[in-house]
Amino acid sequence: MKVVILCGGQGTRLREETEFRPKPMVEIGGRPILWHIMKLYAWHGFQDFVLCLGYRGNMIREYFLNYHAMNRDFTINLGRQAIEYHGNHCEEDFSVTLAETGENTMTGGRLKRAARYLSSGSSNDLFLLTYGDGIADVDIARLVEFHRSHGKLATVTVVRPVSRFGVVHIGGNNRVEAFAEKPQSEGWVSAGFFVFDRRVIDYVSGDDCILEREPLETLARQGELAAFHHTGFFQAMDTYREYKQLNDLWASGQAPWRNRVESSGFSRQLSRLSEELRREDAPKNQSDPAPSARR
């Protein structure tokens, strides 16, 4: 199953780090946040990626073109320019498609442009999509299982946001009855980590289409969008403050997603399970009727 990651936005609110590099290349613990996101998916057995490039996309291309050299020991003959690599790295089985989707294209438009790299066979009609600037410890395998169970076209992972400020509960005579430091909100917000039927692409009009507006709003009105509730860790890296928080968390050794990205390889057992689920779902996909109808 393909994993689409939106990597093209300019990250204007994180200008301290993104003036000279795309936000997915901003590092947590010495590795781009994009690497952390990809390792999370790979830990659950999903390692076929499509990266939608835009702002400073060449830096992402160079990162993957040089991945072997930067992650393995090697011997180079300076005369012949022959290189012998030594050992292996844990990402040997990753397949990464780098798709140019335009510097000013919106999130829906990026998906539309990259659609040609997504499988169109009836047994591969699902794909995963998320943003290149948000990290979490989402159980991707359970997310996909949930999506298959409800039969709708789309699933979005939702989380409870944490307030940036302490909340003060005030009673009579201006007496403070309770104080909660940065509590979780009562509502739910999108964290990305979508599962889409390929027919969702038909809801995207073109380059100016914002995925979170018309496509998802239409799917919601039609009853074709379900919510996967994630109560674990999630943090978007939208500001320098959040960049510092994520790096401090990693440095402390307490990052909730760390055990997934530092494992020696993805879980082959989960990979086999996801493949079995895909095969079992193939006849169902063939008989399903068509629905009525961040960058």
C-alpha atoms as a PDB file:
ATOM      1  CA  MET A   1       0.000   0.000   0.000  1.00  0.00           C
ATOM      2  CA  LYS A   2       1.407   3.389  -1.008  1.00  0.00           C
ATOM      3  CA  VAL A   3       2.099   6.114   1.554  1.00  0.00           C
ATOM      4  CA  VAL A   4       1.732   9.672   0.193  1.00  0.00           C
ATOM      5  CA  ILE A   5       3.500  12.389   2.201  1.00  0.00           C
ATOM      6  CA  LEU A   6       2.848  16.067   1.457  1.00  0.00           C
ATOM      7  CA  CYS A   7       6.254  17.758   1.442  1.00  0.00           C
ATOM      8  CA  GLY A   8       5.740  20.929  -0.580  1.00  0.00           C
ATOM      9  CA  GLY A   9       4.626  23.684   1.794  1.00  0.00           C
ATOM     10  CA  GLN A  10       6.809  26.675   2.593  1.00  0.00           C
ATOM     11  CA  GLY A  11       6.541  26.492   6.391  1.00  0.00           C
ATOM     12  CA  THR A  12       6.294  30.258   6.813  1.00  0.00           C
ATOM     13  CA  ARG A  13       5.575  30.032  10.550  1.00  0.00           C
ATOM     14  CA  LEU A  14       8.876  28.203  11.051  1.00  0.00           C
ATOM     15  CA  ARG A  15      10.951  30.651   9.037  1.00  0.00           C
ATOM     16  CA  GLU A  16      13.928  30.307  11.401  1.00  0.00           C
ATOM     17  CA  GLU A  17      14.414  26.775  10.045  1.00  0.00           C
ATOM     18  CA  THR A  18      12.680  26.815   6.658  1.00  0.00           C
ATOM     19  CA  GLU A  19      14.186  29.855   4.959  1.00  0.00           C
ATOM     20  CA  PHE A  20      16.814  27.647   3.341  1.00  0.00           C
ATOM     21  CA  ARG A  21      15.268  24.167   3.505  1.00  0.00           C
ATOM     22  CA  PRO A  22      11.807  22.573   3.229  1.00  0.00           C
ATOM     23  CA  LYS A  23      10.038  21.881   6.499  1.00  0.00           C
ATOM     24  CA  PRO A  24      10.119  18.073   6.101  1.00  0.00           C
ATOM     25  CA  MET A  25      13.933  18.373   6.198  1.00  0.00           C
ATOM     26  CA  VAL A  26      13.971  20.197   9.539  1.00  0.00           C
ATOM     27  CA  GLU A  27      15.645  17.826  11.959  1.00  0.00           C
ATOM     28  CA  ILE A  28      14.622  16.098  15.155  1.00  0.00           C
ATOM     29  CA  GLY A  29      17.591  14.505  16.879  1.00  0.00           C
ATOM     30  CA  GLY A  30      19.798  14.896  13.825  1.00  0.00           C
ATOM     31  CA  ARG A  31      17.320  13.328  11.373  1.00  0.00           C
ATOM     32  CA  PRO A  32      14.709  15.085   9.188  1.00  0.00           C
ATOM     33  CA  ILE A  33      11.169  14.895  10.543  1.00  0.00           C
ATOM     34  CA  LEU A  34      10.335  13.277   7.191  1.00  0.00           C
ATOM     35  CA  TRP A  35      12.633  10.365   8.109  1.00  0.00           C
ATOM     36  CA  HIS A  36      10.838   9.945  11.443  1.00  0.00           C
ATOM     37  CA  ILE A  37       7.435   9.839   9.694  1.00  0.00           C
ATOM     38  CA  MET A  38       8.608   7.304   7.122  1.00  0.00           C
ATOM     39  CA  LYS A  39      10.116   5.081   9.809  1.00  0.00           C
ATOM     40  CA  LEU A  40       6.833   5.116  11.707  1.00  0.00           C
ATOM     41  CA  TYR A  41       4.973   3.797   8.650  1.00  0.00           C
ATOM     42  CA  ALA A  42       7.721   1.278   7.896  1.00  0.00           C
ATOM     43  CA  TRP A  43       7.560  -0.108  11.435  1.00  0.00           C
ATOM     44  CA  HIS A  44       3.984  -1.129  10.634  1.00  0.00           C
ATOM     45  CA  GLY A  45       4.994  -2.687   7.324  1.00  0.00           C
ATOM     46  CA  PHE A  46       4.263   0.199   4.928  1.00  0.00           C
ATOM     47  CA  GLN A  47       7.441   1.220   3.098  1.00  0.00           C
ATOM     48  CA  ASP A  48       6.361   2.246  -0.407  1.00  0.00           C
ATOM     49  CA  PHE A  49       6.390   6.046  -0.368  1.00  0.00           C
ATOM     50  CA  VAL A  50       5.342   8.840  -2.725  1.00  0.00           C
ATOM     51  CA  LEU A  51       6.718  12.235  -1.678  1.00  0.00           C
ATOM     52  CA  CYS A  52       4.914  15.293  -3.089  1.00  0.00           C
ATOM     53  CA  LEU A  53       7.640  17.894  -3.548  1.00  0.00           C
ATOM     54  CA  GLY A  54       7.349  21.651  -3.887  1.00  0.00           C
ATOM     55  CA  TYR A  55       9.258  24.351  -1.991  1.00  0.00           C
ATOM     56  CA  ARG A  56      12.996  23.569  -2.149  1.00  0.00           C
ATOM     57  CA  GLY A  57      12.171  20.048  -3.288  1.00  0.00           C
ATOM     58  CA  ASN A  58      15.678  19.547  -4.691  1.00  0.00           C
ATOM     59  CA  MET A  59      16.996  19.293  -1.124  1.00  0.00           C
ATOM     60  CA  ILE A  60      14.764  16.282  -0.537  1.00  0.00           C
ATOM     61  CA  ARG A  61      15.915  14.759  -3.840  1.00  0.00           C
ATOM     62  CA  GLU A  62      19.563  15.222  -2.835  1.00  0.00           C
ATOM     63  CA  TYR A  63      18.920  13.684   0.589  1.00  0.00           C
ATOM     64  CA  PHE A  64      17.662  10.438  -0.922  1.00  0.00           C
ATOM     65  CA  LEU A  65      20.155  10.380  -3.804  1.00  0.00           C
ATOM     66  CA  ASN A  66      22.953  10.525  -1.210  1.00  0.00           C
ATOM     67  CA  TYR A  67      21.259   8.267   1.330  1.00  0.00           C
ATOM     68  CA  HIS A  68      23.648   5.330   0.899  1.00  0.00           C
ATOM     69  CA  ALA A  69      26.741   7.499   1.236  1.00  0.00           C
ATOM     70  CA  MET A  70      25.450   9.342   4.301  1.00  0.00           C
ATOM     71  CA  ASN A  71      24.252   6.236   6.161  1.00  0.00           C
ATOM     72  CA  ARG A  72      26.911   3.605   5.420  1.00  0.00           C
ATOM     73  CA  ASP A  73      30.680   3.287   5.529  1.00  0.00           C
ATOM     74  CA  PHE A  74      32.248   3.194   2.081  1.00  0.00           C
ATOM     75  CA  THR A  75      35.535   3.028   0.238  1.00  0.00           C
ATOM     76  CA  ILE A  76      36.038   5.301  -2.773  1.00  0.00           C
ATOM     77  CA  ASN A  77      38.732   5.158  -5.441  1.00  0.00           C
ATOM     78  CA  LEU A  78      39.352   8.792  -6.262  1.00  0.00           C
ATOM     79  CA  GLY A  79      40.756   8.013  -9.699  1.00  0.00           C
ATOM     80  CA  ARG A  80      37.977   5.770 -11.039  1.00  0.00           C
ATOM     81  CA  GLN A  81      35.337   7.257  -8.718  1.00  0.00           C
ATOM     82  CA  ALA A  82      34.391   3.678  -7.895  1.00  0.00           C
ATOM     83  CA  ILE A  83      32.566   3.276  -4.579  1.00  0.00           C
ATOM     84  CA  GLU A  84      32.308   0.150  -2.447  1.00  0.00           C
ATOM     85  CA  TYR A  85      29.678   0.373   0.297  1.00  0.00           C
ATOM     86  CA  HIS A  86      30.134  -1.572   3.527  1.00  0.00           C
ATOM     87  CA  GLY A  87      27.323  -3.049   5.579  1.00  0.00           C
ATOM     88  CA  ASN A  88      23.655  -2.162   5.354  1.00  0.00           C
ATOM     89  CA  HIS A  89      21.216   0.365   6.748  1.00  0.00           C
ATOM     90  CA  CYS A  90      17.698  -0.308   8.014  1.00  0.00           C
ATOM     91  CA  GLU A  91      16.001   1.384   5.059  1.00  0.00           C
ATOM     92  CA  GLU A  92      17.316  -0.954   2.344  1.00  0.00           C
ATOM     93  CA  ASP A  93      13.773  -2.050   1.394  1.00  0.00           C
ATOM     94  CA  PHE A  94      12.230   1.410   1.177  1.00  0.00           C
ATOM     95  CA  SER A  95      10.825   2.435  -2.202  1.00  0.00           C
ATOM     96  CA  VAL A  96      10.666   6.230  -2.505  1.00  0.00           C
ATOM     97  CA  THR A  97       9.034   8.047  -5.438  1.00  0.00           C
ATOM     98  CA  LEU A  98       9.866  11.753  -5.548  1.00  0.00           C
ATOM     99  CA  ALA A  99       7.112  13.588  -7.420  1.00  0.00           C
ATOM    100  CA  GLU A 100       7.388  17.258  -8.334  1.00  0.00           C
ATOM    101  CA  THR A 101       3.987  18.831  -7.614  1.00  0.00           C
ATOM    102  CA  GLY A 102       4.748  22.566  -7.926  1.00  0.00           C
ATOM    103  CA  GLU A 103       5.867  25.177  -5.432  1.00  0.00           C
ATOM    104  CA  ASN A 104       2.490  26.918  -5.098  1.00  0.00           C
ATOM    105  CA  THR A 105       0.158  23.946  -5.509  1.00  0.00           C
ATOM    106  CA  MET A 106      -2.323  23.351  -2.695  1.00  0.00           C
ATOM    107  CA  THR A 107      -2.647  20.102  -0.747  1.00  0.00           C
ATOM    108  CA  GLY A 108      -5.392  18.606  -2.918  1.00  0.00           C
ATOM    109  CA  GLY A 109      -3.587  19.610  -6.081  1.00  0.00           C
ATOM    110  CA  ARG A 110      -0.431  17.872  -4.898  1.00  0.00           C
ATOM    111  CA  LEU A 111      -2.360  14.646  -4.430  1.00  0.00           C
ATOM    112  CA  LYS A 112      -3.927  15.016  -7.867  1.00  0.00           C
ATOM    113  CA  ARG A 113      -0.528  15.514  -9.510  1.00  0.00           C
ATOM    114  CA  ALA A 114       0.941  12.476  -7.759  1.00  0.00           C
ATOM    115  CA  ALA A 115      -2.045  10.232  -8.530  1.00  0.00           C
ATOM    116  CA  ARG A 116      -0.264   8.611 -11.478  1.00  0.00           C
ATOM    117  CA  TYR A 117       2.122   6.961  -9.031  1.00  0.00           C
ATOM    118  CA  LEU A 118      -0.674   5.306  -7.052  1.00  0.00           C
ATOM    119  CA  SER A 119      -1.833   1.815  -7.937  1.00  0.00           C
ATOM    120  CA  SER A 120      -5.165   1.705  -9.751  1.00  0.00           C
ATOM    121  CA  GLY A 121      -5.815  -2.044  -9.662  1.00  0.00           C
ATOM    122  CA  SER A 122      -8.901  -3.148  -7.731  1.00  0.00           C
ATOM    123  CA  SER A 123      -6.806  -4.930  -5.096  1.00  0.00           C
ATOM    124  CA  ASN A 124      -4.725  -1.787  -4.435  1.00  0.00           C
ATOM    125  CA  ASP A 125      -7.397   0.897  -4.269  1.00  0.00           C
ATOM    126  CA  LEU A 126      -6.398   2.111  -0.804  1.00  0.00           C
ATOM    127  CA  PHE A 127      -3.520   4.438  -0.044  1.00  0.00           C
ATOM    128  CA  LEU A 128      -2.277   6.311   3.011  1.00  0.00           C
ATOM    129  CA  LEU A 129      -1.613  10.042   3.194  1.00  0.00           C
ATOM    130  CA  THR A 130      -0.200  12.381   5.795  1.00  0.00           C
ATOM    131  CA  TYR A 131       1.649  15.680   6.203  1.00  0.00           C
ATOM    132  CA  GLY A 132       5.430  15.992   6.237  1.00  0.00           C
ATOM    133  CA  ASP A 133       5.498  18.041   9.435  1.00  0.00           C
ATOM    134  CA  GLY A 134       3.557  16.042  12.030  1.00  0.00           C
ATOM    135  CA  ILE A 135       4.830  13.131  14.141  1.00  0.00           C
ATOM    136  CA  ALA A 136       2.814  10.701  16.243  1.00  0.00           C
ATOM    137  CA  ASP A 137       2.744   7.184  17.658  1.00  0.00           C
ATOM    138  CA  VAL A 138      -0.389   6.253  15.696  1.00  0.00           C
ATOM    139  CA  ASP A 139      -0.991   2.514  15.301  1.00  0.00           C
ATOM    140  CA  ILE A 140      -1.039   2.532  11.488  1.00  0.00           C
ATOM    141  CA  ALA A 141      -1.971  -1.147  11.191  1.00  0.00           C
ATOM    142  CA  ARG A 142      -5.006  -0.641  13.443  1.00  0.00           C
ATOM    143  CA  LEU A 143      -5.897   2.536  11.517  1.00  0.00           C
ATOM    144  CA  VAL A 144      -5.997   0.570   8.248  1.00  0.00           C
ATOM    145  CA  GLU A 145      -8.000  -2.213   9.904  1.00  0.00           C
ATOM    146  CA  PHE A 146     -10.499   0.382  11.165  1.00  0.00           C
ATOM    147  CA  HIS A 147     -10.829   1.868   7.681  1.00  0.00           C
ATOM    148  CA  ARG A 148     -11.536  -1.521   6.128  1.00  0.00           C
ATOM    149  CA  SER A 149     -14.188  -2.215   8.759  1.00  0.00           C
ATOM    150  CA  HIS A 150     -16.471   0.763   8.048  1.00  0.00           C
ATOM    151  CA  GLY A 151     -16.590   0.698   4.231  1.00  0.00           C
ATOM    152  CA  LYS A 152     -16.397   4.466   3.702  1.00  0.00           C
ATOM    153  CA  LEU A 153     -14.130   6.195   1.213  1.00  0.00           C
ATOM    154  CA  ALA A 154     -11.955   8.043   3.713  1.00  0.00           C
ATOM    155  CA  THR A 155     -10.656   7.956   7.274  1.00  0.00           C
ATOM    156  CA  VAL A 156      -8.966  10.821   9.117  1.00  0.00           C
ATOM    157  CA  THR A 157      -7.024  10.396  12.351  1.00  0.00           C
ATOM    158  CA  VAL A 158      -8.252  12.817  15.023  1.00  0.00           C
ATOM    159  CA  VAL A 159      -6.658  13.905  18.298  1.00  0.00           C
ATOM    160  CA  ARG A 160      -7.539  16.175  21.182  1.00  0.00           C
ATOM    161  CA  PRO A 161      -5.438  19.365  20.957  1.00  0.00           C
ATOM    162  CA  VAL A 162      -3.563  20.607  24.003  1.00  0.00           C
ATOM    163  CA  SER A 163      -4.144  24.229  24.964  1.00  0.00           C
ATOM    164  CA  ARG A 164      -1.078  26.484  24.808  1.00  0.00           C
ATOM    165  CA  PHE A 165      -2.232  28.243  27.975  1.00  0.00           C
ATOM    166  CA  GLY A 166      -3.404  27.344  31.417  1.00  0.00           C
ATOM    167  CA  VAL A 167      -7.203  27.388  31.837  1.00  0.00           C
ATOM    168  CA  VAL A 168      -8.671  29.210  34.826  1.00  0.00           C
ATOM    169  CA  HIS A 169     -12.140  28.304  36.130  1.00  0.00           C
ATOM    170  CA  ILE A 170     -13.654  31.293  37.944  1.00  0.00           C
ATOM    171  CA  GLY A 171     -16.588  31.193  40.331  1.00  0.00           C
ATOM    172  CA  GLY A 172     -18.494  33.848  42.261  1.00  0.00           C
ATOM    173  CA  ASN A 173     -16.696  36.915  43.579  1.00  0.00           C
ATOM    174  CA  ASN A 174     -13.900  36.250  41.075  1.00  0.00           C
ATOM    175  CA  ARG A 175     -12.688  33.288  43.109  1.00  0.00           C
ATOM    176  CA  VAL A 176     -10.513  30.864  41.153  1.00  0.00           C
ATOM    177  CA  GLU A 177     -12.083  27.442  41.651  1.00  0.00           C
ATOM    178  CA  ALA A 178      -9.649  25.451  39.540  1.00  0.00           C
ATOM    179  CA  PHE A 179      -6.530  25.915  37.458  1.00  0.00           C
ATOM    180  CA  ALA A 180      -5.491  23.502  34.702  1.00  0.00           C
ATOM    181  CA  GLU A 181      -2.086  23.929  33.084  1.00  0.00           C
ATOM    182  CA  LYS A 182      -2.362  23.365  29.312  1.00  0.00           C
ATOM    183  CA  PRO A 183      -5.253  20.881  29.420  1.00  0.00           C
ATOM    184  CA  GLN A 184      -6.502  18.829  26.491  1.00  0.00           C
ATOM    185  CA  SER A 185      -9.430  20.329  24.622  1.00  0.00           C
ATOM    186  CA  GLU A 186     -12.846  18.693  24.652  1.00  0.00           C
ATOM    187  CA  GLY A 187     -12.989  18.754  20.854  1.00  0.00           C
ATOM    188  CA  TRP A 188     -11.144  16.742  18.214  1.00  0.00           C
ATOM    189  CA  VAL A 189      -8.910  18.007  15.395  1.00  0.00           C
ATOM    190  CA  SER A 190      -7.373  16.414  12.322  1.00  0.00           C
ATOM    191  CA  ALA A 191      -3.862  15.003  12.736  1.00  0.00           C
ATOM    192  CA  GLY A 192      -3.544  13.808   9.155  1.00  0.00           C
ATOM    193  CA  PHE A 193      -2.680  10.099   8.934  1.00  0.00           C
ATOM    194  CA  PHE A 194      -5.460   9.491   6.420  1.00  0.00           C
ATOM    195  CA  VAL A 195      -6.586   6.308   4.707  1.00  0.00           C
ATOM    196  CA  PHE A 196      -8.178   6.964   1.315  1.00  0.00           C
ATOM    197  CA  ASP A 197      -9.916   4.933  -1.309  1.00  0.00           C
ATOM    198  CA  ARG A 198      -8.459   5.931  -4.672  1.00  0.00           C
ATOM    199  CA  ARG A 199     -11.861   7.344  -5.650  1.00  0.00           C
ATOM    200  CA  VAL A 200     -11.162  10.246  -3.257  1.00  0.00           C
ATOM    201  CA  ILE A 201      -8.879  11.677  -5.968  1.00  0.00           C
ATOM    202  CA  ASP A 202     -11.993  12.296  -8.092  1.00  0.00           C
ATOM    203  CA  TYR A 203     -13.107  14.850  -5.475  1.00  0.00           C
ATOM    204  CA  VAL A 204     -10.015  16.989  -6.161  1.00  0.00           C
ATOM    205  CA  SER A 205     -10.512  19.619  -8.859  1.00  0.00           C
ATOM    206  CA  GLY A 206      -6.990  20.881  -9.589  1.00  0.00           C
ATOM    207  CA  ASP A 207      -3.888  22.690  -8.355  1.00  0.00           C
ATOM    208  CA  ASP A 208      -5.839  25.274  -6.339  1.00  0.00           C
ATOM    209  CA  CYS A 209      -7.882  22.654  -4.500  1.00  0.00           C
ATOM    210  CA  ILE A 210      -7.283  22.498  -0.742  1.00  0.00           C
ATOM    211  CA  LEU A 211      -7.764  18.886   0.344  1.00  0.00           C
ATOM    212  CA  GLU A 212      -9.112  19.931   3.747  1.00  0.00           C
ATOM    213  CA  ARG A 213     -11.816  22.123   2.211  1.00  0.00           C
ATOM    214  CA  GLU A 214     -14.018  20.967  -0.669  1.00  0.00           C
ATOM    215  CA  PRO A 215     -12.929  17.292  -0.927  1.00  0.00           C
ATOM    216  CA  LEU A 216     -13.096  16.430   2.766  1.00  0.00           C
ATOM    217  CA  GLU A 217     -16.097  18.673   3.412  1.00  0.00           C
ATOM    218  CA  THR A 218     -17.968  16.959   0.563  1.00  0.00           C
ATOM    219  CA  LEU A 219     -16.999  13.496   1.788  1.00  0.00           C
ATOM    220  CA  ALA A 220     -18.245  14.431   5.265  1.00  0.00           C
ATOM    221  CA  ARG A 221     -21.602  15.662   3.908  1.00  0.00           C
ATOM    222  CA  GLN A 222     -22.000  12.436   1.951  1.00  0.00           C
ATOM    223  CA  GLY A 223     -21.241  10.290   5.001  1.00  0.00           C
ATOM    224  CA  GLU A 224     -18.069   8.947   3.390  1.00  0.00           C
ATOM    225  CA  LEU A 225     -15.577  10.209   6.010  1.00  0.00           C
ATOM    226  CA  ALA A 226     -14.903   8.396   9.295  1.00  0.00           C
ATOM    227  CA  ALA A 227     -12.739   9.425  12.274  1.00  0.00           C
ATOM    228  CA  PHE A 228     -10.068   7.241  13.852  1.00  0.00           C
ATOM    229  CA  HIS A 229      -9.587   8.441  17.428  1.00  0.00           C
ATOM    230  CA  HIS A 230      -5.946   8.546  18.507  1.00  0.00           C
ATOM    231  CA  THR A 231      -5.404   9.202  22.203  1.00  0.00           C
ATOM    232  CA  GLY A 232      -1.620   8.840  22.168  1.00  0.00           C
ATOM    233  CA  PHE A 233       1.094  11.282  21.197  1.00  0.00           C
ATOM    234  CA  PHE A 234       0.805  13.758  18.327  1.00  0.00           C
ATOM    235  CA  GLN A 235       2.682  16.969  17.619  1.00  0.00           C
ATOM    236  CA  ALA A 236       2.794  19.117  14.502  1.00  0.00           C
ATOM    237  CA  MET A 237       5.951  21.157  13.944  1.00  0.00           C
ATOM    238  CA  ASP A 238       4.454  24.478  12.855  1.00  0.00           C
ATOM    239  CA  THR A 239       6.517  26.911  14.938  1.00  0.00           C
ATOM    240  CA  TYR A 240      10.032  27.260  16.322  1.00  0.00           C
ATOM    241  CA  ARG A 241       8.617  26.593  19.772  1.00  0.00           C
ATOM    242  CA  GLU A 242       7.249  23.221  18.630  1.00  0.00           C
ATOM    243  CA  TYR A 243      10.543  22.460  16.877  1.00  0.00           C
ATOM    244  CA  LYS A 244      12.332  22.991  20.198  1.00  0.00           C
ATOM    245  CA  GLN A 245       9.770  20.896  22.084  1.00  0.00           C
ATOM    246  CA  LEU A 246      10.206  17.938  19.737  1.00  0.00           C
ATOM    247  CA  ASN A 247      13.997  18.105  19.872  1.00  0.00           C
ATOM    248  CA  ASP A 248      14.007  18.427  23.653  1.00  0.00           C
ATOM    249  CA  LEU A 249      11.676  15.439  23.887  1.00  0.00           C
ATOM    250  CA  TRP A 250      13.966  13.384  21.653  1.00  0.00           C
ATOM    251  CA  ALA A 251      17.073  14.429  23.592  1.00  0.00           C
ATOM    252  CA  SER A 252      15.433  13.378  26.858  1.00  0.00           C
ATOM    253  CA  GLY A 253      14.981   9.834  25.558  1.00  0.00           C
ATOM    254  CA  GLN A 254      11.234  10.049  26.225  1.00  0.00           C
ATOM    255  CA  ALA A 255       9.915  10.581  22.673  1.00  0.00           C
ATOM    256  CA  PRO A 256       6.855   8.261  22.452  1.00  0.00           C
ATOM    257  CA  TRP A 257       7.585   7.293  18.830  1.00  0.00           C
ATOM    258  CA  ARG A 258      11.292   6.599  19.392  1.00  0.00           C
ATOM    259  CA  ASN A 259      11.053   2.811  19.789  1.00  0.00           C
ATOM    260  CA  ARG A 260       9.413   2.592  16.357  1.00  0.00           C
ATOM    261  CA  VAL A 261      11.917   4.653  14.382  1.00  0.00           C
ATOM    262  CA  GLU A 262      14.989   3.201  16.078  1.00  0.00           C
ATOM    263  CA  SER A 263      14.004  -0.453  15.597  1.00  0.00           C
ATOM    264  CA  SER A 264      16.359  -2.570  13.507  1.00  0.00           C
ATOM    265  CA  GLY A 265      13.738  -2.959  10.813  1.00  0.00           C
ATOM    266  CA  PHE A 266      10.022  -2.874  10.151  1.00  0.00           C
ATOM    267  CA  SER A 267       7.780  -5.552  11.654  1.00  0.00           C
ATOM    268  CA  ARG A 268       7.654  -8.321   9.075  1.00  0.00           C
ATOM    269  CA  GLN A 269       4.812  -9.981  10.942  1.00  0.00           C
ATOM    270  CA  LEU A 270       2.689  -6.845  10.593  1.00  0.00           C
ATOM    271  CA  SER A 271       3.775  -6.500   6.982  1.00  0.00           C
ATOM    272  CA  ARG A 272       2.552 -10.007   6.216  1.00  0.00           C
ATOM    273  CA  LEU A 273      -0.694  -9.291   8.053  1.00  0.00           C
ATOM    274  CA  SER A 274      -1.327  -6.126   6.025  1.00  0.00           C
ATOM    275  CA  GLU A 275      -0.668  -8.056   2.812  1.00  0.00           C
ATOM    276  CA  GLU A 276      -3.104 -10.793   3.867  1.00  0.00           C
ATOM    277  CA  LEU A 277      -5.755  -8.176   4.647  1.00  0.00           C
ATOM    278  CA  ARG A 278      -5.191  -6.618   1.219  1.00  0.00           C
ATOM    279  CA  ARG A 279      -5.685  -9.947  -0.547  1.00  0.00           C
ATOM    280  CA  GLU A 280      -8.784 -10.788   1.501  1.00  0.00           C
ATOM    281  CA  ASP A 281     -10.273  -7.390   0.668  1.00  0.00           C
ATOM    282  CA  ALA A 282      -9.705  -7.665  -3.094  1.00  0.00           C
ATOM    283  CA  PRO A 283     -13.054  -9.371  -3.955  1.00  0.00           C
ATOM    284  CA  LYS A 284     -14.902  -6.859  -1.792  1.00  0.00           C
ATOM    285  CA  ASN A 285     -13.281  -3.930  -3.605  1.00  0.00           C
ATOM    286  CA  GLN A 286     -14.220  -5.385  -6.964  1.00  0.00           C
ATOM    287  CA  SER A 287     -17.897  -5.527  -6.055  1.00  0.00           C
ATOM    288  CA  ASP A 288     -18.181  -2.211  -4.220  1.00  0.00           C
ATOM    289  CA  PRO A 289     -20.434   0.222  -6.088  1.00  0.00           C
ATOM    290  CA  ALA A 290     -19.171   3.720  -6.808  1.00  0.00           C
ATOM    291  CA  PRO A 291     -20.409   6.321  -4.334  1.00  0.00           C
ATOM    292  CA  SER A 292     -23.005   8.857  -5.290  1.00  0.00           C
ATOM    293  CA  ALA A 293     -21.750  11.615  -5.875  1.00  0.00           C
ATOM    294  CA  ARG A 294      -1.451  22.499   4.190  1.00  0.00           C
ATOM    295  CA  ARG A 295       0.451  21.849   0.970  1.00  0.00           C
END
